Amino acid sequence: MRNSRFLLGGGLIALMLFAPHVGLTQQANDELNKLRFELLQKDLESLKAGQKAIIDELQEMKKLLSSRGDDRSPVRDINTTLNVADAFSKGDKKATLTLVEFTDYQ
């Protein structure tokens, strides 16, 4: 009788030590998940605010560049006639000329 009480008591103690506390861990996980979700929402809102600021700056840059007009565009097609009648030349006198300018500001 004494051995059975000892075994029963030891078994209950072992069961309490090794059994997971389902109610406590579930509540802690829910609170942790809620906290993580709130942090992710804050991060998402800050990213949205940053993207809006970038888009606003890009729109402002577009407005500034469009106000420059077509005359100030860095890429443009200019058709003009140069008088080189008295200059030394080789080849066809009516040949077209394509002039490409490469600049480097470094």
N, C-alpha and C. Protein backbone atom coordinates (compact mmCIF):
# COMPACT_ATOMS: atom_id res chain seq x y z
N MET A 1 0.81 -1.18 0.00
CA MET A 1 0.00 0.00 0.00
C MET A 1 0.87 1.26 0.00
N ARG A 2 1.91 1.18 0.78
CA ARG A 2 2.80 2.33 0.85
C ARG A 2 3.52 2.53 -0.48
N ASN A 3 3.92 1.46 -1.12
CA ASN A 3 4.59 1.56 -2.41
C ASN A 3 3.65 2.13 -3.49
N SER A 4 2.40 1.73 -3.43
CA SER A 4 1.47 2.24 -4.43
C SER A 4 1.22 3.73 -4.23
N ARG A 5 1.16 4.19 -3.00
CA ARG A 5 1.02 5.62 -2.75
C ARG A 5 2.26 6.38 -3.24
N PHE A 6 3.41 5.79 -2.98
CA PHE A 6 4.66 6.43 -3.42
C PHE A 6 4.71 6.52 -4.95
N LEU A 7 4.34 5.43 -5.60
CA LEU A 7 4.34 5.42 -7.07
C LEU A 7 3.29 6.40 -7.62
N LEU A 8 2.12 6.41 -6.98
CA LEU A 8 1.07 7.32 -7.44
C LEU A 8 1.47 8.78 -7.24
N GLY A 9 2.04 9.09 -6.08
CA GLY A 9 2.49 10.46 -5.81
C GLY A 9 3.63 10.86 -6.73
N GLY A 10 4.60 9.96 -6.94
CA GLY A 10 5.72 10.25 -7.85
C GLY A 10 5.25 10.42 -9.28
N GLY A 11 4.28 9.59 -9.67
CA GLY A 11 3.73 9.71 -11.03
C GLY A 11 3.03 11.03 -11.24
N LEU A 12 2.27 11.46 -10.24
CA LEU A 12 1.58 12.75 -10.35
C LEU A 12 2.57 13.91 -10.41
N ILE A 13 3.61 13.83 -9.59
CA ILE A 13 4.63 14.89 -9.62
C ILE A 13 5.33 14.92 -10.97
N ALA A 14 5.70 13.76 -11.48
CA ALA A 14 6.36 13.69 -12.79
C ALA A 14 5.44 14.22 -13.88
N LEU A 15 4.16 13.87 -13.80
CA LEU A 15 3.20 14.35 -14.79
C LEU A 15 3.08 15.87 -14.74
N MET A 16 3.06 16.44 -13.56
CA MET A 16 2.97 17.90 -13.43
C MET A 16 4.23 18.59 -13.94
N LEU A 17 5.40 17.97 -13.75
CA LEU A 17 6.65 18.59 -14.20
C LEU A 17 6.82 18.53 -15.71
N PHE A 18 6.44 17.41 -16.30
CA PHE A 18 6.70 17.22 -17.72
C PHE A 18 5.52 17.55 -18.63
N ALA A 19 4.35 17.71 -18.08
CA ALA A 19 3.18 18.04 -18.90
C ALA A 19 3.22 19.52 -19.26
N PRO A 20 2.93 19.86 -20.50
CA PRO A 20 2.93 21.28 -20.88
C PRO A 20 1.75 22.00 -20.26
N HIS A 21 1.96 23.23 -19.92
CA HIS A 21 0.90 24.06 -19.37
C HIS A 21 0.21 24.74 -20.54
N VAL A 22 -0.76 24.06 -21.08
CA VAL A 22 -1.42 24.48 -22.30
C VAL A 22 -2.10 25.84 -22.12
N GLY A 23 -2.80 26.04 -21.05
CA GLY A 23 -3.51 27.29 -20.85
C GLY A 23 -2.57 28.47 -20.72
N LEU A 24 -1.49 28.32 -20.02
CA LEU A 24 -0.55 29.42 -19.81
C LEU A 24 0.24 29.73 -21.07
N THR A 25 0.72 28.71 -21.75
CA THR A 25 1.53 28.96 -22.95
C THR A 25 0.67 29.54 -24.06
N GLN A 26 -0.56 29.11 -24.18
CA GLN A 26 -1.43 29.65 -25.22
C GLN A 26 -1.69 31.13 -24.99
N GLN A 27 -1.93 31.51 -23.79
CA GLN A 27 -2.19 32.91 -23.48
C GLN A 27 -0.95 33.75 -23.74
N ALA A 28 0.21 33.26 -23.35
CA ALA A 28 1.45 33.99 -23.59
C ALA A 28 1.72 34.12 -25.08
N ASN A 29 1.46 33.07 -25.85
CA ASN A 29 1.66 33.13 -27.29
C ASN A 29 0.71 34.12 -27.93
N ASP A 30 -0.53 34.16 -27.47
CA ASP A 30 -1.48 35.12 -28.02
C ASP A 30 -1.04 36.55 -27.75
N GLU A 31 -0.58 36.81 -26.54
CA GLU A 31 -0.11 38.15 -26.21
C GLU A 31 1.14 38.50 -27.01
N LEU A 32 2.03 37.53 -27.16
CA LEU A 32 3.25 37.77 -27.94
C LEU A 32 2.92 38.02 -29.40
N ASN A 33 2.00 37.23 -29.94
CA ASN A 33 1.60 37.43 -31.34
C ASN A 33 0.91 38.77 -31.53
N LYS A 34 0.12 39.18 -30.57
CA LYS A 34 -0.55 40.48 -30.64
C LYS A 34 0.47 41.61 -30.63
N LEU A 35 1.48 41.48 -29.77
CA LEU A 35 2.54 42.48 -29.70
C LEU A 35 3.33 42.53 -31.01
N ARG A 36 3.64 41.38 -31.55
CA ARG A 36 4.36 41.33 -32.84
C ARG A 36 3.53 41.96 -33.95
N PHE A 37 2.24 41.66 -33.94
CA PHE A 37 1.35 42.22 -34.96
C PHE A 37 1.30 43.74 -34.86
N GLU A 38 1.23 44.27 -33.65
CA GLU A 38 1.21 45.72 -33.47
C GLU A 38 2.52 46.35 -33.93
N LEU A 39 3.65 45.69 -33.65
CA LEU A 39 4.93 46.22 -34.11
C LEU A 39 5.02 46.19 -35.63
N LEU A 40 4.52 45.13 -36.24
CA LEU A 40 4.52 45.06 -37.70
C LEU A 40 3.62 46.13 -38.31
N GLN A 41 2.50 46.41 -37.66
CA GLN A 41 1.63 47.47 -38.16
C GLN A 41 2.32 48.83 -38.09
N LYS A 42 3.04 49.08 -37.00
CA LYS A 42 3.77 50.35 -36.87
C LYS A 42 4.85 50.46 -37.94
N ASP A 43 5.58 49.35 -38.17
CA ASP A 43 6.61 49.35 -39.21
C ASP A 43 6.00 49.60 -40.58
N LEU A 44 4.86 48.98 -40.83
CA LEU A 44 4.19 49.16 -42.11
C LEU A 44 3.74 50.60 -42.31
N GLU A 45 3.21 51.20 -41.27
CA GLU A 45 2.78 52.60 -41.36
C GLU A 45 3.97 53.53 -41.60
N SER A 46 5.10 53.26 -40.96
CA SER A 46 6.28 54.11 -41.18
C SER A 46 6.81 53.93 -42.60
N LEU A 47 6.74 52.71 -43.13
CA LEU A 47 7.16 52.49 -44.52
C LEU A 47 6.24 53.22 -45.49
N LYS A 48 4.95 53.19 -45.22
CA LYS A 48 4.00 53.90 -46.09
C LYS A 48 4.27 55.41 -46.06
N ALA A 49 4.56 55.93 -44.87
CA ALA A 49 4.85 57.36 -44.76
C ALA A 49 6.13 57.72 -45.51
N GLY A 50 7.14 56.86 -45.43
CA GLY A 50 8.38 57.10 -46.16
C GLY A 50 8.17 57.05 -47.66
N GLN A 51 7.38 56.09 -48.13
CA GLN A 51 7.09 56.00 -49.56
C GLN A 51 6.31 57.22 -50.04
N LYS A 52 5.38 57.70 -49.24
CA LYS A 52 4.62 58.90 -49.63
C LYS A 52 5.54 60.10 -49.73
N ALA A 53 6.49 60.22 -48.80
CA ALA A 53 7.45 61.33 -48.86
C ALA A 53 8.30 61.24 -50.12
N ILE A 54 8.73 60.05 -50.48
CA ILE A 54 9.55 59.86 -51.69
C ILE A 54 8.73 60.22 -52.93
N ILE A 55 7.49 59.77 -52.98
CA ILE A 55 6.64 60.07 -54.14
C ILE A 55 6.40 61.57 -54.25
N ASP A 56 6.17 62.24 -53.12
CA ASP A 56 5.97 63.69 -53.14
C ASP A 56 7.21 64.41 -53.66
N GLU A 57 8.39 63.97 -53.23
CA GLU A 57 9.63 64.58 -53.72
C GLU A 57 9.82 64.35 -55.21
N LEU A 58 9.48 63.15 -55.68
CA LEU A 58 9.60 62.87 -57.11
C LEU A 58 8.64 63.74 -57.93
N GLN A 59 7.43 63.92 -57.42
CA GLN A 59 6.48 64.78 -58.12
C GLN A 59 6.98 66.21 -58.20
N GLU A 60 7.59 66.67 -57.11
CA GLU A 60 8.13 68.03 -57.10
C GLU A 60 9.28 68.16 -58.10
N MET A 61 10.13 67.13 -58.17
CA MET A 61 11.24 67.15 -59.15
C MET A 61 10.70 67.17 -60.57
N LYS A 62 9.64 66.39 -60.83
CA LYS A 62 9.04 66.39 -62.17
C LYS A 62 8.51 67.77 -62.52
N LYS A 63 7.87 68.44 -61.55
CA LYS A 63 7.36 69.78 -61.81
C LYS A 63 8.50 70.74 -62.12
N LEU A 64 9.58 70.65 -61.36
CA LEU A 64 10.72 71.54 -61.61
C LEU A 64 11.33 71.29 -62.97
N LEU A 65 11.47 70.02 -63.34
CA LEU A 65 12.07 69.71 -64.64
C LEU A 65 11.14 70.06 -65.79
N SER A 66 9.84 69.90 -65.61
CA SER A 66 8.92 70.21 -66.70
C SER A 66 8.82 71.72 -66.91
N SER A 67 9.07 72.51 -65.87
CA SER A 67 9.01 73.96 -66.03
C SER A 67 10.21 74.50 -66.79
N ARG A 68 11.22 73.68 -66.98
CA ARG A 68 12.40 74.12 -67.73
C ARG A 68 12.06 74.30 -69.20
N GLY A 69 11.08 73.57 -69.67
CA GLY A 69 10.69 73.69 -71.08
C GLY A 69 11.50 72.77 -71.96
N ASP A 70 11.08 72.68 -73.23
CA ASP A 70 11.76 71.80 -74.17
C ASP A 70 13.11 72.35 -74.60
N ASP A 71 13.30 73.68 -74.49
CA ASP A 71 14.56 74.28 -74.91
C ASP A 71 15.72 73.82 -74.04
N ARG A 72 15.44 73.49 -72.79
CA ARG A 72 16.51 73.13 -71.86
C ARG A 72 16.67 71.63 -71.69
N SER A 73 15.96 70.86 -72.48
CA SER A 73 16.05 69.41 -72.38
C SER A 73 17.45 68.95 -72.75
N PRO A 74 18.04 68.04 -71.98
CA PRO A 74 19.40 67.59 -72.30
C PRO A 74 19.46 66.75 -73.57
N VAL A 75 18.37 66.12 -73.95
CA VAL A 75 18.34 65.32 -75.17
C VAL A 75 17.35 65.98 -76.12
N ARG A 76 17.84 66.40 -77.25
CA ARG A 76 16.95 67.02 -78.21
C ARG A 76 17.51 66.81 -79.62
N ASP A 77 16.61 66.85 -80.54
CA ASP A 77 16.97 66.68 -81.95
C ASP A 77 17.05 68.07 -82.57
N ILE A 78 18.24 68.44 -82.99
CA ILE A 78 18.44 69.77 -83.56
C ILE A 78 18.78 69.61 -85.04
N ASN A 79 17.95 70.15 -85.86
CA ASN A 79 18.22 70.15 -87.30
C ASN A 79 18.66 71.56 -87.68
N THR A 80 19.88 71.67 -88.10
CA THR A 80 20.40 72.98 -88.50
C THR A 80 21.30 72.80 -89.71
N THR A 81 21.51 73.87 -90.39
CA THR A 81 22.36 73.85 -91.58
C THR A 81 23.62 74.66 -91.29
N LEU A 82 24.75 74.04 -91.53
CA LEU A 82 26.04 74.74 -91.37
C LEU A 82 26.60 75.06 -92.74
N ASN A 83 27.16 76.24 -92.86
CA ASN A 83 27.76 76.64 -94.11
C ASN A 83 29.25 76.29 -94.07
N VAL A 84 29.63 75.29 -94.83
CA VAL A 84 31.04 74.86 -94.90
C VAL A 84 31.51 74.89 -96.36
N ALA A 85 31.02 75.84 -97.13
CA ALA A 85 31.35 75.90 -98.56
C ALA A 85 32.83 76.15 -98.78
N ASP A 86 33.45 76.98 -97.95
CA ASP A 86 34.85 77.31 -98.15
C ASP A 86 35.79 76.41 -97.36
N ALA A 87 35.27 75.51 -96.57
CA ALA A 87 36.12 74.65 -95.73
C ALA A 87 36.59 73.45 -96.51
N PHE A 88 37.75 72.92 -96.09
CA PHE A 88 38.29 71.72 -96.70
C PHE A 88 37.39 70.55 -96.33
N SER A 89 37.06 69.71 -97.32
CA SER A 89 36.21 68.56 -97.05
C SER A 89 36.62 67.40 -97.94
N LYS A 90 36.21 66.24 -97.51
CA LYS A 90 36.50 65.03 -98.26
C LYS A 90 35.21 64.23 -98.32
N GLY A 91 34.79 63.77 -99.44
CA GLY A 91 33.56 63.01 -99.56
C GLY A 91 32.45 63.85 -100.17
N ASP A 92 31.25 63.34 -100.05
CA ASP A 92 30.08 63.98 -100.63
C ASP A 92 29.78 65.29 -99.92
N LYS A 93 29.57 66.36 -100.67
CA LYS A 93 29.30 67.67 -100.09
C LYS A 93 27.90 67.76 -99.51
N LYS A 94 26.99 66.88 -99.89
CA LYS A 94 25.63 66.91 -99.37
C LYS A 94 25.38 65.83 -98.32
N ALA A 95 26.42 65.27 -97.80
CA ALA A 95 26.27 64.23 -96.78
C ALA A 95 25.74 64.83 -95.47
N THR A 96 24.93 64.06 -94.76
CA THR A 96 24.40 64.55 -93.48
C THR A 96 25.41 64.29 -92.37
N LEU A 97 25.34 65.10 -91.38
CA LEU A 97 26.26 65.02 -90.25
C LEU A 97 25.46 64.75 -88.98
N THR A 98 25.93 63.80 -88.21
CA THR A 98 25.33 63.53 -86.90
C THR A 98 26.38 63.85 -85.86
N LEU A 99 26.06 64.78 -85.01
CA LEU A 99 26.98 65.22 -83.97
C LEU A 99 26.44 64.76 -82.62
N VAL A 100 27.25 64.00 -81.89
CA VAL A 100 26.85 63.51 -80.58
C VAL A 100 27.85 64.05 -79.57
N GLU A 101 27.36 64.68 -78.54
CA GLU A 101 28.24 65.26 -77.52
C GLU A 101 28.15 64.42 -76.25
N PHE A 102 29.31 63.99 -75.78
CA PHE A 102 29.39 63.26 -74.51
C PHE A 102 30.11 64.17 -73.52
N THR A 103 29.50 64.40 -72.40
CA THR A 103 30.14 65.23 -71.38
C THR A 103 30.27 64.45 -70.09
N ASP A 104 31.30 64.76 -69.35
CA ASP A 104 31.55 64.12 -68.07
C ASP A 104 31.91 65.20 -67.08
N TYR A 105 31.19 65.27 -65.99
CA TYR A 105 31.39 66.35 -65.04
C TYR A 105 32.34 65.96 -63.91
N GLN A 106 33.02 64.86 -64.03
CA GLN A 106 33.94 64.45 -62.95
C GLN A 106 35.28 65.08 -63.12
